[in-house]
Amino acid sequence: MAEEKKNAAAAPATAKVAVKKSDEKLSFIERVKKWFRDMKSELKKVVWPTPKQTAKSSVVAIAMIVVCAIVLWGFDSAAQAVVKALINIFA
């Protein structure tokens, strides 16, 4: 028990850092200015794609759209044929 007290006393205390918030509310103009400053700093961090990467991604997206359109057209045509056949059978 004596050893536990020594170890507890020897352990360094962690300092808590308080975040200071200003009590004043910023005016509308100051908030807009701050928003634009923050936006500008965030946009500097963005890694923009090269024109080659943009073109490649666009081609892939367009190709996928065409494939999905063809698949949906196929399902729609099949469903239409099934409905017409059912109508002819029961009509």
PDB file of N, CA and C in Angstrom:
ATOM      1  N   MET A   1       0.813  -1.177   0.000  1.00  0.00           N
ATOM      2  CA  MET A   1       0.000   0.000   0.000  1.00  0.00           C
ATOM      3  C   MET A   1       0.869   1.258   0.000  1.00  0.00           C
ATOM      4  N   ALA A   2       1.956   1.210   0.687  1.00  0.00           N
ATOM      5  CA  ALA A   2       2.857   2.356   0.730  1.00  0.00           C
ATOM      6  C   ALA A   2       3.466   2.606  -0.642  1.00  0.00           C
ATOM      7  N   GLU A   3       3.735   1.507  -1.378  1.00  0.00           N
ATOM      8  CA  GLU A   3       4.311   1.659  -2.710  1.00  0.00           C
ATOM      9  C   GLU A   3       3.309   2.303  -3.672  1.00  0.00           C
ATOM     10  N   GLU A   4       2.033   1.939  -3.528  1.00  0.00           N
ATOM     11  CA  GLU A   4       1.015   2.516  -4.402  1.00  0.00           C
ATOM     12  C   GLU A   4       0.919   4.017  -4.190  1.00  0.00           C
ATOM     13  N   LYS A   5       1.019   4.460  -2.943  1.00  0.00           N
ATOM     14  CA  LYS A   5       0.946   5.893  -2.658  1.00  0.00           C
ATOM     15  C   LYS A   5       2.156   6.612  -3.239  1.00  0.00           C
ATOM     16  N   LYS A   6       3.325   5.975  -3.171  1.00  0.00           N
ATOM     17  CA  LYS A   6       4.524   6.601  -3.727  1.00  0.00           C
ATOM     18  C   LYS A   6       4.405   6.720  -5.246  1.00  0.00           C
ATOM     19  N   ASN A   7       3.923   5.652  -5.902  1.00  0.00           N
ATOM     20  CA  ASN A   7       3.783   5.688  -7.352  1.00  0.00           C
ATOM     21  C   ASN A   7       2.746   6.721  -7.790  1.00  0.00           C
ATOM     22  N   ALA A   8       1.671   6.835  -7.043  1.00  0.00           N
ATOM     23  CA  ALA A   8       0.633   7.798  -7.366  1.00  0.00           C
ATOM     24  C   ALA A   8       1.147   9.218  -7.188  1.00  0.00           C
ATOM     25  N   ALA A   9       1.953   9.428  -6.157  1.00  0.00           N
ATOM     26  CA  ALA A   9       2.479  10.757  -5.903  1.00  0.00           C
ATOM     27  C   ALA A   9       3.544  11.124  -6.937  1.00  0.00           C
ATOM     28  N   ALA A  10       4.271  10.142  -7.441  1.00  0.00           N
ATOM     29  CA  ALA A  10       5.349  10.404  -8.384  1.00  0.00           C
ATOM     30  C   ALA A  10       4.831  10.614  -9.805  1.00  0.00           C
ATOM     31  N   ALA A  11       3.631  10.180 -10.097  1.00  0.00           N
ATOM     32  CA  ALA A  11       3.089  10.311 -11.451  1.00  0.00           C
ATOM     33  C   ALA A  11       2.855  11.785 -11.769  1.00  0.00           C
ATOM     34  N   PRO A  12       3.300  12.219 -12.924  1.00  0.00           N
ATOM     35  CA  PRO A  12       3.118  13.628 -13.280  1.00  0.00           C
ATOM     36  C   PRO A  12       1.651  13.927 -13.563  1.00  0.00           C
ATOM     37  N   ALA A  13       1.235  15.071 -13.120  1.00  0.00           N
ATOM     38  CA  ALA A  13      -0.148  15.490 -13.333  1.00  0.00           C
ATOM     39  C   ALA A  13      -0.271  16.052 -14.741  1.00  0.00           C
ATOM     40  N   THR A  14      -1.349  15.679 -15.413  1.00  0.00           N
ATOM     41  CA  THR A  14      -1.560  16.202 -16.756  1.00  0.00           C
ATOM     42  C   THR A  14      -2.234  17.559 -16.664  1.00  0.00           C
ATOM     43  N   ALA A  15      -1.708  18.486 -17.418  1.00  0.00           N
ATOM     44  CA  ALA A  15      -2.268  19.834 -17.404  1.00  0.00           C
ATOM     45  C   ALA A  15      -3.448  19.900 -18.352  1.00  0.00           C
ATOM     46  N   LYS A  16      -4.506  20.515 -17.907  1.00  0.00           N
ATOM     47  CA  LYS A  16      -5.674  20.689 -18.750  1.00  0.00           C
ATOM     48  C   LYS A  16      -5.613  22.078 -19.367  1.00  0.00           C
ATOM     49  N   VAL A  17      -5.750  22.106 -20.680  1.00  0.00           N
ATOM     50  CA  VAL A  17      -5.699  23.375 -21.388  1.00  0.00           C
ATOM     51  C   VAL A  17      -7.129  23.817 -21.650  1.00  0.00           C
ATOM     52  N   ALA A  18      -7.443  24.984 -21.161  1.00  0.00           N
ATOM     53  CA  ALA A  18      -8.786  25.507 -21.345  1.00  0.00           C
ATOM     54  C   ALA A  18      -8.860  26.253 -22.677  1.00  0.00           C
ATOM     55  N   VAL A  19      -9.934  26.028 -23.386  1.00  0.00           N
ATOM     56  CA  VAL A  19     -10.147  26.734 -24.639  1.00  0.00           C
ATOM     57  C   VAL A  19     -10.869  28.027 -24.315  1.00  0.00           C
ATOM     58  N   LYS A  20     -10.251  29.123 -24.729  1.00  0.00           N
ATOM     59  CA  LYS A  20     -10.831  30.426 -24.419  1.00  0.00           C
ATOM     60  C   LYS A  20     -11.772  30.832 -25.541  1.00  0.00           C
ATOM     61  N   LYS A  21     -12.989  31.115 -25.200  1.00  0.00           N
ATOM     62  CA  LYS A  21     -13.959  31.605 -26.160  1.00  0.00           C
ATOM     63  C   LYS A  21     -14.261  33.057 -25.818  1.00  0.00           C
ATOM     64  N   SER A  22     -14.336  33.855 -26.855  1.00  0.00           N
ATOM     65  CA  SER A  22     -14.647  35.250 -26.582  1.00  0.00           C
ATOM     66  C   SER A  22     -16.135  35.362 -26.265  1.00  0.00           C
ATOM     67  N   ASP A  23     -16.423  36.225 -25.330  1.00  0.00           N
ATOM     68  CA  ASP A  23     -17.811  36.423 -24.930  1.00  0.00           C
ATOM     69  C   ASP A  23     -18.573  37.279 -25.937  1.00  0.00           C
ATOM     70  N   GLU A  24     -17.813  38.011 -26.785  1.00  0.00           N
ATOM     71  CA  GLU A  24     -18.449  38.876 -27.751  1.00  0.00           C
ATOM     72  C   GLU A  24     -18.901  38.085 -28.966  1.00  0.00           C
ATOM     73  N   LYS A  25     -20.058  38.412 -29.459  1.00  0.00           N
ATOM     74  CA  LYS A  25     -20.553  37.799 -30.678  1.00  0.00           C
ATOM     75  C   LYS A  25     -20.105  38.679 -31.843  1.00  0.00           C
ATOM     76  N   LEU A  26     -19.584  38.024 -32.888  1.00  0.00           N
ATOM     77  CA  LEU A  26     -19.111  38.778 -34.042  1.00  0.00           C
ATOM     78  C   LEU A  26     -20.290  39.354 -34.810  1.00  0.00           C
ATOM     79  N   SER A  27     -20.054  40.509 -35.434  1.00  0.00           N
ATOM     80  CA  SER A  27     -21.110  41.109 -36.241  1.00  0.00           C
ATOM     81  C   SER A  27     -21.277  40.287 -37.517  1.00  0.00           C
ATOM     82  N   PHE A  28     -22.348  40.545 -38.218  1.00  0.00           N
ATOM     83  CA  PHE A  28     -22.643  39.792 -39.437  1.00  0.00           C
ATOM     84  C   PHE A  28     -21.520  39.939 -40.458  1.00  0.00           C
ATOM     85  N   ILE A  29     -21.043  41.152 -40.657  1.00  0.00           N
ATOM     86  CA  ILE A  29     -19.974  41.404 -41.637  1.00  0.00           C
ATOM     87  C   ILE A  29     -18.705  40.664 -41.232  1.00  0.00           C
ATOM     88  N   GLU A  30     -18.373  40.679 -39.946  1.00  0.00           N
ATOM     89  CA  GLU A  30     -17.168  39.984 -39.472  1.00  0.00           C
ATOM     90  C   GLU A  30     -17.297  38.475 -39.651  1.00  0.00           C
ATOM     91  N   ARG A  31     -18.504  37.937 -39.415  1.00  0.00           N
ATOM     92  CA  ARG A  31     -18.719  36.506 -39.617  1.00  0.00           C
ATOM     93  C   ARG A  31     -18.590  36.125 -41.085  1.00  0.00           C
ATOM     94  N   VAL A  32     -19.089  36.974 -41.989  1.00  0.00           N
ATOM     95  CA  VAL A  32     -18.973  36.708 -43.425  1.00  0.00           C
ATOM     96  C   VAL A  32     -17.508  36.755 -43.838  1.00  0.00           C
ATOM     97  N   LYS A  33     -16.768  37.753 -43.348  1.00  0.00           N
ATOM     98  CA  LYS A  33     -15.338  37.850 -43.656  1.00  0.00           C
ATOM     99  C   LYS A  33     -14.597  36.617 -43.164  1.00  0.00           C
ATOM    100  N   LYS A  34     -14.921  36.191 -41.945  1.00  0.00           N
ATOM    101  CA  LYS A  34     -14.268  35.011 -41.373  1.00  0.00           C
ATOM    102  C   LYS A  34     -14.604  33.766 -42.191  1.00  0.00           C
ATOM    103  N   TRP A  35     -15.845  33.659 -42.648  1.00  0.00           N
ATOM    104  CA  TRP A  35     -16.254  32.510 -43.452  1.00  0.00           C
ATOM    105  C   TRP A  35     -15.453  32.450 -44.746  1.00  0.00           C
ATOM    106  N   PHE A  36     -15.295  33.605 -45.421  1.00  0.00           N
ATOM    107  CA  PHE A  36     -14.523  33.630 -46.663  1.00  0.00           C
ATOM    108  C   PHE A  36     -13.047  33.323 -46.413  1.00  0.00           C
ATOM    109  N   ARG A  37     -12.486  33.820 -45.307  1.00  0.00           N
ATOM    110  CA  ARG A  37     -11.085  33.498 -44.982  1.00  0.00           C
ATOM    111  C   ARG A  37     -10.921  32.005 -44.752  1.00  0.00           C
ATOM    112  N   ASP A  38     -11.844  31.414 -44.003  1.00  0.00           N
ATOM    113  CA  ASP A  38     -11.789  29.971 -43.743  1.00  0.00           C
ATOM    114  C   ASP A  38     -11.954  29.174 -45.036  1.00  0.00           C
ATOM    115  N   MET A  39     -12.868  29.621 -45.895  1.00  0.00           N
ATOM    116  CA  MET A  39     -13.081  28.926 -47.153  1.00  0.00           C
ATOM    117  C   MET A  39     -11.830  28.991 -48.025  1.00  0.00           C
ATOM    118  N   LYS A  40     -11.198  30.143 -48.066  1.00  0.00           N
ATOM    119  CA  LYS A  40      -9.981  30.307 -48.866  1.00  0.00           C
ATOM    120  C   LYS A  40      -8.871  29.392 -48.355  1.00  0.00           C
ATOM    121  N   SER A  41      -8.721  29.310 -47.038  1.00  0.00           N
ATOM    122  CA  SER A  41      -7.673  28.451 -46.482  1.00  0.00           C
ATOM    123  C   SER A  41      -7.971  26.977 -46.738  1.00  0.00           C
ATOM    124  N   GLU A  42      -9.239  26.577 -46.713  1.00  0.00           N
ATOM    125  CA  GLU A  42      -9.589  25.185 -46.996  1.00  0.00           C
ATOM    126  C   GLU A  42      -9.380  24.852 -48.466  1.00  0.00           C
ATOM    127  N   LEU A  43      -9.694  25.793 -49.355  1.00  0.00           N
ATOM    128  CA  LEU A  43      -9.516  25.543 -50.777  1.00  0.00           C
ATOM    129  C   LEU A  43      -8.038  25.408 -51.150  1.00  0.00           C
ATOM    130  N   LYS A  44      -7.156  26.011 -50.377  1.00  0.00           N
ATOM    131  CA  LYS A  44      -5.721  25.859 -50.628  1.00  0.00           C
ATOM    132  C   LYS A  44      -5.258  24.440 -50.312  1.00  0.00           C
ATOM    133  N   LYS A  45      -5.986  23.739 -49.437  1.00  0.00           N
ATOM    134  CA  LYS A  45      -5.615  22.379 -49.046  1.00  0.00           C
ATOM    135  C   LYS A  45      -6.090  21.327 -50.048  1.00  0.00           C
ATOM    136  N   VAL A  46      -7.006  21.707 -50.943  1.00  0.00           N
ATOM    137  CA  VAL A  46      -7.593  20.756 -51.882  1.00  0.00           C
ATOM    138  C   VAL A  46      -6.553  20.358 -52.926  1.00  0.00           C
ATOM    139  N   VAL A  47      -6.504  19.067 -53.220  1.00  0.00           N
ATOM    140  CA  VAL A  47      -5.648  18.570 -54.291  1.00  0.00           C
ATOM    141  C   VAL A  47      -6.528  18.451 -55.529  1.00  0.00           C
ATOM    142  N   TRP A  48      -6.355  19.381 -56.455  1.00  0.00           N
ATOM    143  CA  TRP A  48      -7.194  19.427 -57.636  1.00  0.00           C
ATOM    144  C   TRP A  48      -6.705  18.411 -58.654  1.00  0.00           C
ATOM    145  N   PRO A  49      -7.629  17.734 -59.351  1.00  0.00           N
ATOM    146  CA  PRO A  49      -7.218  16.749 -60.359  1.00  0.00           C
ATOM    147  C   PRO A  49      -6.642  17.436 -61.596  1.00  0.00           C
ATOM    148  N   THR A  50      -5.778  16.714 -62.277  1.00  0.00           N
ATOM    149  CA  THR A  50      -5.217  17.230 -63.520  1.00  0.00           C
ATOM    150  C   THR A  50      -6.271  17.114 -64.614  1.00  0.00           C
ATOM    151  N   PRO A  51      -6.108  17.836 -65.715  1.00  0.00           N
ATOM    152  CA  PRO A  51      -7.069  17.706 -66.814  1.00  0.00           C
ATOM    153  C   PRO A  51      -7.161  16.269 -67.333  1.00  0.00           C
ATOM    154  N   LYS A  52      -6.042  15.551 -67.330  1.00  0.00           N
ATOM    155  CA  LYS A  52      -6.050  14.160 -67.793  1.00  0.00           C
ATOM    156  C   LYS A  52      -6.904  13.289 -66.860  1.00  0.00           C
ATOM    157  N   GLN A  53      -6.749  13.471 -65.547  1.00  0.00           N
ATOM    158  CA  GLN A  53      -7.548  12.711 -64.585  1.00  0.00           C
ATOM    159  C   GLN A  53      -9.032  13.056 -64.719  1.00  0.00           C
ATOM    160  N   THR A  54      -9.327  14.333 -64.940  1.00  0.00           N
ATOM    161  CA  THR A  54     -10.717  14.762 -65.099  1.00  0.00           C
ATOM    162  C   THR A  54     -11.350  14.124 -66.332  1.00  0.00           C
ATOM    163  N   ALA A  55     -10.613  14.112 -67.430  1.00  0.00           N
ATOM    164  CA  ALA A  55     -11.121  13.515 -68.659  1.00  0.00           C
ATOM    165  C   ALA A  55     -11.345  12.016 -68.477  1.00  0.00           C
ATOM    166  N   LYS A  56     -10.397  11.355 -67.837  1.00  0.00           N
ATOM    167  CA  LYS A  56     -10.509   9.911 -67.605  1.00  0.00           C
ATOM    168  C   LYS A  56     -11.735   9.591 -66.739  1.00  0.00           C
ATOM    169  N   SER A  57     -11.916  10.350 -65.678  1.00  0.00           N
ATOM    170  CA  SER A  57     -13.058  10.134 -64.787  1.00  0.00           C
ATOM    171  C   SER A  57     -14.372  10.415 -65.501  1.00  0.00           C
ATOM    172  N   SER A  58     -14.383  11.432 -66.341  1.00  0.00           N
ATOM    173  CA  SER A  58     -15.595  11.765 -67.092  1.00  0.00           C
ATOM    174  C   SER A  58     -15.956  10.647 -68.056  1.00  0.00           C
ATOM    175  N   VAL A  59     -14.963  10.084 -68.736  1.00  0.00           N
ATOM    176  CA  VAL A  59     -15.230   8.987 -69.675  1.00  0.00           C
ATOM    177  C   VAL A  59     -15.786   7.784 -68.927  1.00  0.00           C
ATOM    178  N   VAL A  60     -15.221   7.464 -67.776  1.00  0.00           N
ATOM    179  CA  VAL A  60     -15.716   6.334 -66.978  1.00  0.00           C
ATOM    180  C   VAL A  60     -17.158   6.590 -66.538  1.00  0.00           C
ATOM    181  N   ALA A  61     -17.445   7.806 -66.087  1.00  0.00           N
ATOM    182  CA  ALA A  61     -18.802   8.123 -65.629  1.00  0.00           C
ATOM    183  C   ALA A  61     -19.803   8.022 -66.780  1.00  0.00           C
ATOM    184  N   ILE A  62     -19.445   8.559 -67.936  1.00  0.00           N
ATOM    185  CA  ILE A  62     -20.356   8.507 -69.086  1.00  0.00           C
ATOM    186  C   ILE A  62     -20.573   7.062 -69.535  1.00  0.00           C
ATOM    187  N   ALA A  63     -19.505   6.266 -69.531  1.00  0.00           N
ATOM    188  CA  ALA A  63     -19.633   4.859 -69.909  1.00  0.00           C
ATOM    189  C   ALA A  63     -20.571   4.121 -68.954  1.00  0.00           C
ATOM    190  N   MET A  64     -20.446   4.365 -67.673  1.00  0.00           N
ATOM    191  CA  MET A  64     -21.324   3.713 -66.689  1.00  0.00           C
ATOM    192  C   MET A  64     -22.772   4.154 -66.867  1.00  0.00           C
ATOM    193  N   ILE A  65     -22.987   5.416 -67.204  1.00  0.00           N
ATOM    194  CA  ILE A  65     -24.348   5.898 -67.443  1.00  0.00           C
ATOM    195  C   ILE A  65     -24.959   5.175 -68.638  1.00  0.00           C
ATOM    196  N   VAL A  66     -24.164   5.019 -69.705  1.00  0.00           N
ATOM    197  CA  VAL A  66     -24.662   4.332 -70.901  1.00  0.00           C
ATOM    198  C   VAL A  66     -24.984   2.873 -70.583  1.00  0.00           C
ATOM    199  N   VAL A  67     -24.105   2.197 -69.845  1.00  0.00           N
ATOM    200  CA  VAL A  67     -24.340   0.790 -69.482  1.00  0.00           C
ATOM    201  C   VAL A  67     -25.605   0.669 -68.637  1.00  0.00           C
ATOM    202  N   CYS A  68     -25.758   1.530 -67.660  1.00  0.00           N
ATOM    203  CA  CYS A  68     -26.962   1.481 -66.812  1.00  0.00           C
ATOM    204  C   CYS A  68     -28.220   1.761 -67.622  1.00  0.00           C
ATOM    205  N   ALA A  69     -28.149   2.694 -68.563  1.00  0.00           N
ATOM    206  CA  ALA A  69     -29.306   3.004 -69.404  1.00  0.00           C
ATOM    207  C   ALA A  69     -29.690   1.802 -70.247  1.00  0.00           C
ATOM    208  N   ILE A  70     -28.691   1.093 -70.797  1.00  0.00           N
ATOM    209  CA  ILE A  70     -28.975  -0.088 -71.615  1.00  0.00           C
ATOM    210  C   ILE A  70     -29.610  -1.193 -70.768  1.00  0.00           C
ATOM    211  N   VAL A  71     -29.078  -1.400 -69.565  1.00  0.00           N
ATOM    212  CA  VAL A  71     -29.636  -2.434 -68.680  1.00  0.00           C
ATOM    213  C   VAL A  71     -31.080  -2.086 -68.302  1.00  0.00           C
ATOM    214  N   LEU A  72     -31.332  -0.835 -67.941  1.00  0.00           N
ATOM    215  CA  LEU A  72     -32.701  -0.435 -67.590  1.00  0.00           C
ATOM    216  C   LEU A  72     -33.638  -0.560 -68.790  1.00  0.00           C
ATOM    217  N   TRP A  73     -33.161  -0.199 -69.982  1.00  0.00           N
ATOM    218  CA  TRP A  73     -33.971  -0.346 -71.185  1.00  0.00           C
ATOM    219  C   TRP A  73     -34.314  -1.816 -71.421  1.00  0.00           C
ATOM    220  N   GLY A  74     -33.344  -2.695 -71.191  1.00  0.00           N
ATOM    221  CA  GLY A  74     -33.583  -4.128 -71.353  1.00  0.00           C
ATOM    222  C   GLY A  74     -34.632  -4.640 -70.376  1.00  0.00           C
ATOM    223  N   PHE A  75     -34.519  -4.260 -69.108  1.00  0.00           N
ATOM    224  CA  PHE A  75     -35.510  -4.686 -68.122  1.00  0.00           C
ATOM    225  C   PHE A  75     -36.889  -4.124 -68.458  1.00  0.00           C
ATOM    226  N   ASP A  76     -36.932  -2.873 -68.902  1.00  0.00           N
ATOM    227  CA  ASP A  76     -38.209  -2.254 -69.246  1.00  0.00           C
ATOM    228  C   ASP A  76     -38.844  -2.965 -70.428  1.00  0.00           C
ATOM    229  N   SER A  77     -38.040  -3.295 -71.423  1.00  0.00           N
ATOM    230  CA  SER A  77     -38.566  -4.003 -72.601  1.00  0.00           C
ATOM    231  C   SER A  77     -39.071  -5.385 -72.212  1.00  0.00           C
ATOM    232  N   ALA A  78     -38.348  -6.085 -71.362  1.00  0.00           N
ATOM    233  CA  ALA A  78     -38.770  -7.416 -70.908  1.00  0.00           C
ATOM    234  C   ALA A  78     -40.071  -7.320 -70.112  1.00  0.00           C
ATOM    235  N   ALA A  79     -40.160  -6.342 -69.223  1.00  0.00           N
ATOM    236  CA  ALA A  79     -41.378  -6.181 -68.423  1.00  0.00           C
ATOM    237  C   ALA A  79     -42.558  -5.831 -69.323  1.00  0.00           C
ATOM    238  N   GLN A  80     -42.319  -5.000 -70.328  1.00  0.00           N
ATOM    239  CA  GLN A  80     -43.384  -4.629 -71.254  1.00  0.00           C
ATOM    240  C   GLN A  80     -43.871  -5.849 -72.037  1.00  0.00           C
ATOM    241  N   ALA A  81     -42.943  -6.685 -72.460  1.00  0.00           N
ATOM    242  CA  ALA A  81     -43.318  -7.897 -73.202  1.00  0.00           C
ATOM    243  C   ALA A  81     -44.133  -8.838 -72.320  1.00  0.00           C
ATOM    244  N   VAL A  82     -43.735  -8.971 -71.049  1.00  0.00           N
ATOM    245  CA  VAL A  82     -44.470  -9.839 -70.115  1.00  0.00           C
ATOM    246  C   VAL A  82     -45.879  -9.310 -69.898  1.00  0.00           C
ATOM    247  N   VAL A  83     -46.018  -8.017 -69.715  1.00  0.00           N
ATOM    248  CA  VAL A  83     -47.347  -7.431 -69.478  1.00  0.00           C
ATOM    249  C   VAL A  83     -48.220  -7.602 -70.720  1.00  0.00           C
ATOM    250  N   LYS A  84     -47.663  -7.361 -71.892  1.00  0.00           N
ATOM    251  CA  LYS A  84     -48.453  -7.538 -73.129  1.00  0.00           C
ATOM    252  C   LYS A  84     -48.888  -8.993 -73.294  1.00  0.00           C
ATOM    253  N   ALA A  85     -47.983  -9.936 -72.962  1.00  0.00           N
ATOM    254  CA  ALA A  85     -48.345 -11.348 -73.081  1.00  0.00           C
ATOM    255  C   ALA A  85     -49.455 -11.703 -72.093  1.00  0.00           C
ATOM    256  N   LEU A  86     -49.391 -11.198 -70.889  1.00  0.00           N
ATOM    257  CA  LEU A  86     -50.455 -11.450 -69.901  1.00  0.00           C
ATOM    258  C   LEU A  86     -51.770 -10.846 -70.343  1.00  0.00           C
ATOM    259  N   ILE A  87     -51.725  -9.667 -70.935  1.00  0.00           N
ATOM    260  CA  ILE A  87     -52.953  -9.039 -71.411  1.00  0.00           C
ATOM    261  C   ILE A  87     -53.557  -9.871 -72.527  1.00  0.00           C
ATOM    262  N   ASN A  88     -52.715 -10.353 -73.445  1.00  0.00           N
ATOM    263  CA  ASN A  88     -53.225 -11.175 -74.555  1.00  0.00           C
ATOM    264  C   ASN A  88     -53.799 -12.494 -74.062  1.00  0.00           C
ATOM    265  N   ILE A  89     -53.215 -13.071 -73.022  1.00  0.00           N
ATOM    266  CA  ILE A  89     -53.703 -14.332 -72.489  1.00  0.00           C
ATOM    267  C   ILE A  89     -55.068 -14.176 -71.826  1.00  0.00           C
ATOM    268  N   PHE A  90     -55.200 -13.140 -70.996  1.00  0.00           N
ATOM    269  CA  PHE A  90     -56.428 -12.986 -70.210  1.00  0.00           C
ATOM    270  C   PHE A  90     -57.458 -12.073 -70.860  1.00  0.00           C
ATOM    271  N   ALA A  91     -57.167 -11.476 -71.979  1.00  0.00           N
ATOM    272  CA  ALA A  91     -58.133 -10.562 -72.602  1.00  0.00           C
ATOM    273  C   ALA A  91     -59.006 -11.244 -73.610  1.00  0.00           C
TER     274      ALA A  91
END
